Amino acid sequence: MNAISFGNYLREKRKARGFTLIELGEMSGLSQPYLSQIENGKKGIPSPEVLRNLSKALGESHTELMIRAGHLKSGEVNGYEAKDKDGTIHGVLDFRDITFKEFLSSDGEDKRRIENKYAALLDYKPLGYEHYVELINDDNIASMEWMNELTEDIQRAIDNRYKTANQDYEDYIDNRYKMSAYLDLKNYLTINEISYNNYPLDLQDRQRILGMLAFLFPDMK
């Protein structure tokens, strides 16, 4: 998606929320002229930091905006999820909540703390999803105060995992974006949509730049 297409996409999201540019600026901490330039495709693709501010203001997924902006590909999101699914983090990070079933099927320190807390009441059995379903479907047990406390403890643990996963994910995105700053300049010139002072660079412009760089740095050929 180029800058113009992304600008149109952002405009649609803003209008769907019923926000003016001024209102979106106030909520995101970005200026109205800057937002106008983004929507008109005159400011290029926003950075991940700007997209995070916009995602919070618009109530949209930061990951989705990153993909739309071209900072991240869907395949990379899946790869990151697989890397982080080590038995302590479950769920699709920024896309959906972690479910009770995913939590109770995992093996993390937070789950073990809950099992230890309710060990006697659980007959010292591991707290799996099927076990929890049996308890919650037993009218005599489901109405007990300890069962309500158990459910609340599970939900708190899930919330903490979800927050941790998303923070780890945002740190990963930040590091990935910063690392891209070290990409070889020659490779930058192969990007489809690049510009100088908002003027798109065509193939001839890029060749002239490469020629000038070769002249300035003859020892780096």
C-alpha atoms as a PDB file:
ATOM      1  CA  MET A   1       0.000   0.000   0.000  1.00  0.00           C
ATOM      2  CA  ASN A   2       1.478   3.343  -1.040  1.00  0.00           C
ATOM      3  CA  ALA A   3       1.162   6.656   0.819  1.00  0.00           C
ATOM      4  CA  ILE A   4      -1.942   7.758  -1.090  1.00  0.00           C
ATOM      5  CA  SER A   5      -3.738   4.433  -0.564  1.00  0.00           C
ATOM      6  CA  PHE A   6      -2.857   4.411   3.116  1.00  0.00           C
ATOM      7  CA  GLY A   7      -4.067   8.002   3.449  1.00  0.00           C
ATOM      8  CA  ASN A   8      -7.413   7.031   1.923  1.00  0.00           C
ATOM      9  CA  TYR A   9      -7.628   4.049   4.264  1.00  0.00           C
ATOM     10  CA  LEU A  10      -6.925   6.245   7.295  1.00  0.00           C
ATOM     11  CA  ARG A  11      -9.518   8.796   6.169  1.00  0.00           C
ATOM     12  CA  GLU A  12     -12.146   6.059   5.887  1.00  0.00           C
ATOM     13  CA  LYS A  13     -11.357   4.816   9.399  1.00  0.00           C
ATOM     14  CA  ARG A  14     -11.542   8.348  10.815  1.00  0.00           C
ATOM     15  CA  LYS A  15     -14.863   9.114   9.157  1.00  0.00           C
ATOM     16  CA  ALA A  16     -16.280   5.742  10.214  1.00  0.00           C
ATOM     17  CA  ARG A  17     -15.615   6.853  13.804  1.00  0.00           C
ATOM     18  CA  GLY A  18     -17.216  10.217  13.129  1.00  0.00           C
ATOM     19  CA  PHE A  19     -14.055  12.165  13.987  1.00  0.00           C
ATOM     20  CA  THR A  20     -12.879  15.401  12.421  1.00  0.00           C
ATOM     21  CA  LEU A  21      -9.167  15.874  11.788  1.00  0.00           C
ATOM     22  CA  ILE A  22      -9.030  18.231  14.767  1.00  0.00           C
ATOM     23  CA  GLU A  23     -10.682  15.666  17.051  1.00  0.00           C
ATOM     24  CA  LEU A  24      -8.386  12.879  15.873  1.00  0.00           C
ATOM     25  CA  GLY A  25      -5.421  15.175  16.410  1.00  0.00           C
ATOM     26  CA  GLU A  26      -6.453  15.894  19.983  1.00  0.00           C
ATOM     27  CA  MET A  27      -6.890  12.195  20.774  1.00  0.00           C
ATOM     28  CA  SER A  28      -3.691  11.035  19.076  1.00  0.00           C
ATOM     29  CA  GLY A  29      -1.438  13.924  20.043  1.00  0.00           C
ATOM     30  CA  LEU A  30      -0.763  14.684  16.351  1.00  0.00           C
ATOM     31  CA  SER A  31      -1.357  18.001  14.656  1.00  0.00           C
ATOM     32  CA  GLN A  32      -4.288  18.545  12.301  1.00  0.00           C
ATOM     33  CA  PRO A  33      -2.041  19.720   9.402  1.00  0.00           C
ATOM     34  CA  TYR A  34       0.154  16.633   9.811  1.00  0.00           C
ATOM     35  CA  LEU A  35      -2.858  14.300   9.772  1.00  0.00           C
ATOM     36  CA  SER A  36      -4.217  16.090   6.712  1.00  0.00           C
ATOM     37  CA  GLN A  37      -0.929  15.530   4.885  1.00  0.00           C
ATOM     38  CA  ILE A  38      -0.993  11.822   5.777  1.00  0.00           C
ATOM     39  CA  GLU A  39      -4.546  11.438   4.502  1.00  0.00           C
ATOM     40  CA  ASN A  40      -3.641  13.223   1.271  1.00  0.00           C
ATOM     41  CA  GLY A  41      -0.585  11.043   0.739  1.00  0.00           C
ATOM     42  CA  LYS A  42       1.813  13.978   0.996  1.00  0.00           C
ATOM     43  CA  LYS A  43       3.656  12.896   4.123  1.00  0.00           C
ATOM     44  CA  GLY A  44       4.624   9.352   3.221  1.00  0.00           C
ATOM     45  CA  ILE A  45       3.907   6.305   5.356  1.00  0.00           C
ATOM     46  CA  PRO A  46       3.725   7.075   9.110  1.00  0.00           C
ATOM     47  CA  SER A  47       6.227   5.502  11.493  1.00  0.00           C
ATOM     48  CA  PRO A  48       5.213   2.680  13.882  1.00  0.00           C
ATOM     49  CA  GLU A  49       5.180   5.193  16.747  1.00  0.00           C
ATOM     50  CA  VAL A  50       2.686   7.417  14.920  1.00  0.00           C
ATOM     51  CA  LEU A  51       0.604   4.384  13.995  1.00  0.00           C
ATOM     52  CA  ARG A  52       0.456   3.361  17.655  1.00  0.00           C
ATOM     53  CA  ASN A  53      -0.989   6.760  18.563  1.00  0.00           C
ATOM     54  CA  LEU A  54      -3.509   6.499  15.728  1.00  0.00           C
ATOM     55  CA  SER A  55      -4.493   2.947  16.660  1.00  0.00           C
ATOM     56  CA  LYS A  56      -5.337   4.002  20.210  1.00  0.00           C
ATOM     57  CA  ALA A  57      -7.303   7.049  19.058  1.00  0.00           C
ATOM     58  CA  LEU A  58      -9.248   5.123  16.414  1.00  0.00           C
ATOM     59  CA  GLY A  59      -9.705   1.968  18.458  1.00  0.00           C
ATOM     60  CA  GLU A  60      -7.980  -0.039  15.738  1.00  0.00           C
ATOM     61  CA  SER A  61      -5.399  -2.806  15.986  1.00  0.00           C
ATOM     62  CA  HIS A  62      -1.830  -1.491  15.919  1.00  0.00           C
ATOM     63  CA  THR A  63      -0.810  -4.667  14.105  1.00  0.00           C
ATOM     64  CA  GLU A  64      -3.427  -4.122  11.399  1.00  0.00           C
ATOM     65  CA  LEU A  65      -2.231  -0.554  10.812  1.00  0.00           C
ATOM     66  CA  MET A  66       1.365  -1.798  10.656  1.00  0.00           C
ATOM     67  CA  ILE A  67       0.389  -4.318   7.991  1.00  0.00           C
ATOM     68  CA  ARG A  68      -1.637  -1.763   6.033  1.00  0.00           C
ATOM     69  CA  ALA A  69       1.279   0.679   6.157  1.00  0.00           C
ATOM     70  CA  GLY A  70       3.690  -1.954   4.870  1.00  0.00           C
ATOM     71  CA  HIS A  71       5.897  -2.044   7.979  1.00  0.00           C
ATOM     72  CA  LEU A  72       4.894  -5.624   8.627  1.00  0.00           C
ATOM     73  CA  LYS A  73       3.627  -8.536   6.554  1.00  0.00           C
ATOM     74  CA  SER A  74       1.008 -11.053   7.686  1.00  0.00           C
ATOM     75  CA  GLY A  75       3.568 -13.845   7.451  1.00  0.00           C
ATOM     76  CA  GLU A  76       5.869 -11.994   9.817  1.00  0.00           C
ATOM     77  CA  VAL A  77       3.041 -11.645  12.335  1.00  0.00           C
ATOM     78  CA  ASN A  78       2.462 -15.395  12.240  1.00  0.00           C
ATOM     79  CA  GLY A  79       6.181 -16.027  12.623  1.00  0.00           C
ATOM     80  CA  TYR A  80       6.350 -13.776  15.660  1.00  0.00           C
ATOM     81  CA  GLU A  81       3.366 -15.505  17.233  1.00  0.00           C
ATOM     82  CA  ALA A  82       4.997 -18.895  16.728  1.00  0.00           C
ATOM     83  CA  LYS A  83       8.228 -17.629  18.286  1.00  0.00           C
ATOM     84  CA  ASP A  84       6.435 -16.339  21.364  1.00  0.00           C
ATOM     85  CA  LYS A  85       4.141 -19.346  21.848  1.00  0.00           C
ATOM     86  CA  ASP A  86       6.437 -21.053  24.310  1.00  0.00           C
ATOM     87  CA  GLY A  87       3.780 -22.333  26.681  1.00  0.00           C
ATOM     88  CA  THR A  88       3.485 -19.117  28.653  1.00  0.00           C
ATOM     89  CA  ILE A  89       1.977 -16.822  26.025  1.00  0.00           C
ATOM     90  CA  HIS A  90      -1.072 -17.876  24.078  1.00  0.00           C
ATOM     91  CA  GLY A  91      -3.410 -16.070  21.703  1.00  0.00           C
ATOM     92  CA  VAL A  92      -2.940 -14.034  18.588  1.00  0.00           C
ATOM     93  CA  LEU A  93      -1.375 -11.118  20.421  1.00  0.00           C
ATOM     94  CA  ASP A  94      -2.951  -7.963  19.045  1.00  0.00           C
ATOM     95  CA  PHE A  95      -5.849  -9.615  17.186  1.00  0.00           C
ATOM     96  CA  ARG A  96      -7.987 -11.352  19.816  1.00  0.00           C
ATOM     97  CA  ASP A  97      -8.247 -12.141  23.508  1.00  0.00           C
ATOM     98  CA  ILE A  98      -6.702 -15.204  25.095  1.00  0.00           C
ATOM     99  CA  THR A  99      -9.474 -17.668  25.909  1.00  0.00           C
ATOM    100  CA  PHE A 100     -10.009 -19.724  29.042  1.00  0.00           C
ATOM    101  CA  LYS A 101      -9.401 -22.870  27.011  1.00  0.00           C
ATOM    102  CA  GLU A 102      -6.007 -21.627  25.759  1.00  0.00           C
ATOM    103  CA  PHE A 103      -4.948 -20.575  29.248  1.00  0.00           C
ATOM    104  CA  LEU A 104      -6.046 -23.804  30.937  1.00  0.00           C
ATOM    105  CA  SER A 105      -4.365 -25.864  28.212  1.00  0.00           C
ATOM    106  CA  SER A 106      -1.044 -24.103  28.770  1.00  0.00           C
ATOM    107  CA  ASP A 107       1.677 -24.659  31.352  1.00  0.00           C
ATOM    108  CA  GLY A 108       2.891 -21.388  32.823  1.00  0.00           C
ATOM    109  CA  GLU A 109       4.025 -20.191  36.226  1.00  0.00           C
ATOM    110  CA  ASP A 110       0.862 -18.102  36.637  1.00  0.00           C
ATOM    111  CA  LYS A 111      -1.311 -21.183  36.055  1.00  0.00           C
ATOM    112  CA  ARG A 112       0.746 -23.239  38.515  1.00  0.00           C
ATOM    113  CA  ARG A 113       0.259 -20.554  41.182  1.00  0.00           C
ATOM    114  CA  ILE A 114      -3.491 -20.884  40.762  1.00  0.00           C
ATOM    115  CA  GLU A 115      -3.289 -24.676  40.940  1.00  0.00           C
ATOM    116  CA  ASN A 116      -1.263 -24.468  44.169  1.00  0.00           C
ATOM    117  CA  LYS A 117      -3.686 -21.949  45.691  1.00  0.00           C
ATOM    118  CA  TYR A 118      -6.698 -24.213  45.093  1.00  0.00           C
ATOM    119  CA  ALA A 119      -4.861 -27.558  45.305  1.00  0.00           C
ATOM    120  CA  ALA A 120      -6.965 -29.027  48.138  1.00  0.00           C
ATOM    121  CA  LEU A 121     -10.254 -27.898  46.584  1.00  0.00           C
ATOM    122  CA  LEU A 122      -9.185 -29.382  43.254  1.00  0.00           C
ATOM    123  CA  ASP A 123      -8.283 -32.703  44.879  1.00  0.00           C
ATOM    124  CA  TYR A 124      -4.663 -31.982  43.929  1.00  0.00           C
ATOM    125  CA  LYS A 125      -5.452 -32.508  40.238  1.00  0.00           C
ATOM    126  CA  PRO A 126      -3.946 -30.372  37.460  1.00  0.00           C
ATOM    127  CA  LEU A 127      -6.365 -27.639  36.415  1.00  0.00           C
ATOM    128  CA  GLY A 128      -7.080 -28.425  32.772  1.00  0.00           C
ATOM    129  CA  TYR A 129      -9.859 -27.136  30.560  1.00  0.00           C
ATOM    130  CA  GLU A 130     -11.957 -30.332  30.829  1.00  0.00           C
ATOM    131  CA  HIS A 131     -11.573 -30.284  34.614  1.00  0.00           C
ATOM    132  CA  TYR A 132     -12.708 -26.663  34.802  1.00  0.00           C
ATOM    133  CA  VAL A 133     -15.734 -27.389  32.584  1.00  0.00           C
ATOM    134  CA  GLU A 134     -16.739 -30.243  34.900  1.00  0.00           C
ATOM    135  CA  LEU A 135     -16.519 -27.946  37.923  1.00  0.00           C
ATOM    136  CA  ILE A 136     -18.439 -25.089  36.356  1.00  0.00           C
ATOM    137  CA  ASN A 137     -21.188 -27.474  35.210  1.00  0.00           C
ATOM    138  CA  ASP A 138     -21.603 -28.950  38.674  1.00  0.00           C
ATOM    139  CA  ASP A 139     -24.359 -26.833  40.272  1.00  0.00           C
ATOM    140  CA  ASN A 140     -23.183 -27.636  43.783  1.00  0.00           C
ATOM    141  CA  ILE A 141     -19.604 -26.542  43.102  1.00  0.00           C
ATOM    142  CA  ALA A 142     -20.295 -23.685  40.674  1.00  0.00           C
ATOM    143  CA  SER A 143     -22.255 -21.776  43.329  1.00  0.00           C
ATOM    144  CA  MET A 144     -19.450 -21.953  45.912  1.00  0.00           C
ATOM    145  CA  GLU A 145     -17.522 -18.793  46.707  1.00  0.00           C
ATOM    146  CA  TRP A 146     -14.138 -20.408  46.050  1.00  0.00           C
ATOM    147  CA  MET A 147     -15.231 -21.286  42.517  1.00  0.00           C
ATOM    148  CA  ASN A 148     -16.058 -17.664  41.800  1.00  0.00           C
ATOM    149  CA  GLU A 149     -12.661 -16.666  43.192  1.00  0.00           C
ATOM    150  CA  LEU A 150     -10.969 -19.312  41.034  1.00  0.00           C
ATOM    151  CA  THR A 151     -12.669 -17.956  37.909  1.00  0.00           C
ATOM    152  CA  GLU A 152     -11.642 -14.390  38.792  1.00  0.00           C
ATOM    153  CA  ASP A 153      -8.026 -15.490  39.394  1.00  0.00           C
ATOM    154  CA  ILE A 154      -7.962 -17.204  35.999  1.00  0.00           C
ATOM    155  CA  GLN A 155      -9.325 -14.097  34.274  1.00  0.00           C
ATOM    156  CA  ARG A 156      -6.746 -11.867  35.982  1.00  0.00           C
ATOM    157  CA  ALA A 157      -3.948 -14.195  34.893  1.00  0.00           C
ATOM    158  CA  ILE A 158      -5.276 -14.163  31.329  1.00  0.00           C
ATOM    159  CA  ASP A 159      -5.425 -10.364  31.331  1.00  0.00           C
ATOM    160  CA  ASN A 160      -1.831 -10.171  32.579  1.00  0.00           C
ATOM    161  CA  ARG A 161      -0.638 -12.584  29.895  1.00  0.00           C
ATOM    162  CA  TYR A 162      -2.417 -10.602  27.218  1.00  0.00           C
ATOM    163  CA  LYS A 163      -0.902  -7.301  28.385  1.00  0.00           C
ATOM    164  CA  THR A 164       2.573  -8.858  28.570  1.00  0.00           C
ATOM    165  CA  ALA A 165       2.233 -10.396  25.115  1.00  0.00           C
ATOM    166  CA  ASN A 166       1.162  -7.114  23.576  1.00  0.00           C
ATOM    167  CA  GLN A 167       3.954  -5.163  25.263  1.00  0.00           C
ATOM    168  CA  ASP A 168       6.502  -7.738  24.063  1.00  0.00           C
ATOM    169  CA  TYR A 169       4.996  -7.456  20.607  1.00  0.00           C
ATOM    170  CA  GLU A 170       5.218  -3.644  20.552  1.00  0.00           C
ATOM    171  CA  ASP A 171       8.843  -3.838  21.732  1.00  0.00           C
ATOM    172  CA  TYR A 172       9.515  -6.306  18.903  1.00  0.00           C
ATOM    173  CA  ILE A 173       7.956  -3.927  16.361  1.00  0.00           C
ATOM    174  CA  ASP A 174       9.999  -0.991  17.669  1.00  0.00           C
ATOM    175  CA  ASN A 175      13.244  -2.984  17.488  1.00  0.00           C
ATOM    176  CA  ARG A 176      12.412  -4.272  14.019  1.00  0.00           C
ATOM    177  CA  TYR A 177      11.746  -0.747  12.781  1.00  0.00           C
ATOM    178  CA  LYS A 178      14.931   0.612  14.322  1.00  0.00           C
ATOM    179  CA  MET A 179      16.969  -2.211  12.812  1.00  0.00           C
ATOM    180  CA  SER A 180      15.571  -1.353   9.386  1.00  0.00           C
ATOM    181  CA  ALA A 181      17.367   1.980   9.672  1.00  0.00           C
ATOM    182  CA  TYR A 182      20.608   0.069   9.046  1.00  0.00           C
ATOM    183  CA  LEU A 183      19.404  -1.321   5.731  1.00  0.00           C
ATOM    184  CA  ASP A 184      21.877  -0.707   2.908  1.00  0.00           C
ATOM    185  CA  LEU A 185      21.091   2.554   1.105  1.00  0.00           C
ATOM    186  CA  LYS A 186      21.260   0.762  -2.232  1.00  0.00           C
ATOM    187  CA  ASN A 187      18.448  -1.514  -1.081  1.00  0.00           C
ATOM    188  CA  TYR A 188      16.343   1.482  -0.067  1.00  0.00           C
ATOM    189  CA  LEU A 189      16.444   2.652  -3.657  1.00  0.00           C
ATOM    190  CA  THR A 190      14.644  -0.529  -4.762  1.00  0.00           C
ATOM    191  CA  ILE A 191      11.560   0.265  -2.664  1.00  0.00           C
ATOM    192  CA  ASN A 192       8.533   0.854  -4.885  1.00  0.00           C
ATOM    193  CA  GLU A 193       7.373   4.107  -3.323  1.00  0.00           C
ATOM    194  CA  ILE A 194      10.134   6.509  -2.278  1.00  0.00           C
ATOM    195  CA  SER A 195      10.302  10.253  -2.668  1.00  0.00           C
ATOM    196  CA  TYR A 196      12.480  13.288  -2.010  1.00  0.00           C
ATOM    197  CA  ASN A 197      10.739  16.374  -0.580  1.00  0.00           C
ATOM    198  CA  ASN A 198       7.447  14.669  -1.524  1.00  0.00           C
ATOM    199  CA  TYR A 199       8.528  14.230  -5.170  1.00  0.00           C
ATOM    200  CA  PRO A 200       8.373  10.557  -6.259  1.00  0.00           C
ATOM    201  CA  LEU A 201      11.703   9.195  -7.526  1.00  0.00           C
ATOM    202  CA  ASP A 202      11.565   7.301 -10.824  1.00  0.00           C
ATOM    203  CA  LEU A 203      14.122   4.794 -12.124  1.00  0.00           C
ATOM    204  CA  GLN A 204      16.237   7.495 -13.770  1.00  0.00           C
ATOM    205  CA  ASP A 205      16.350   9.491 -10.503  1.00  0.00           C
ATOM    206  CA  ARG A 206      17.519   6.424  -8.610  1.00  0.00           C
ATOM    207  CA  GLN A 207      20.242   5.674 -11.134  1.00  0.00           C
ATOM    208  CA  ARG A 208      21.480   9.264 -10.837  1.00  0.00           C
ATOM    209  CA  ILE A 209      21.612   8.888  -7.050  1.00  0.00           C
ATOM    210  CA  LEU A 210      23.600   5.663  -7.340  1.00  0.00           C
ATOM    211  CA  GLY A 211      25.982   7.331  -9.786  1.00  0.00           C
ATOM    212  CA  MET A 212      26.516  10.255  -7.424  1.00  0.00           C
ATOM    213  CA  LEU A 213      27.122   7.908  -4.478  1.00  0.00           C
ATOM    214  CA  ALA A 214      29.686   5.969  -6.527  1.00  0.00           C
ATOM    215  CA  PHE A 215      31.448   9.269  -7.294  1.00  0.00           C
ATOM    216  CA  LEU A 216      31.392  10.418  -3.638  1.00  0.00           C
ATOM    217  CA  PHE A 217      32.512   7.060  -2.226  1.00  0.00           C
ATOM    218  CA  PRO A 218      34.798   5.448  -4.804  1.00  0.00           C
ATOM    219  CA  ASP A 219      36.334   3.101  -2.221  1.00  0.00           C
ATOM    220  CA  MET A 220      32.915   1.630  -1.360  1.00  0.00           C
ATOM    221  CA  LYS A 221      32.063   0.165  -4.754  1.00  0.00           C
END
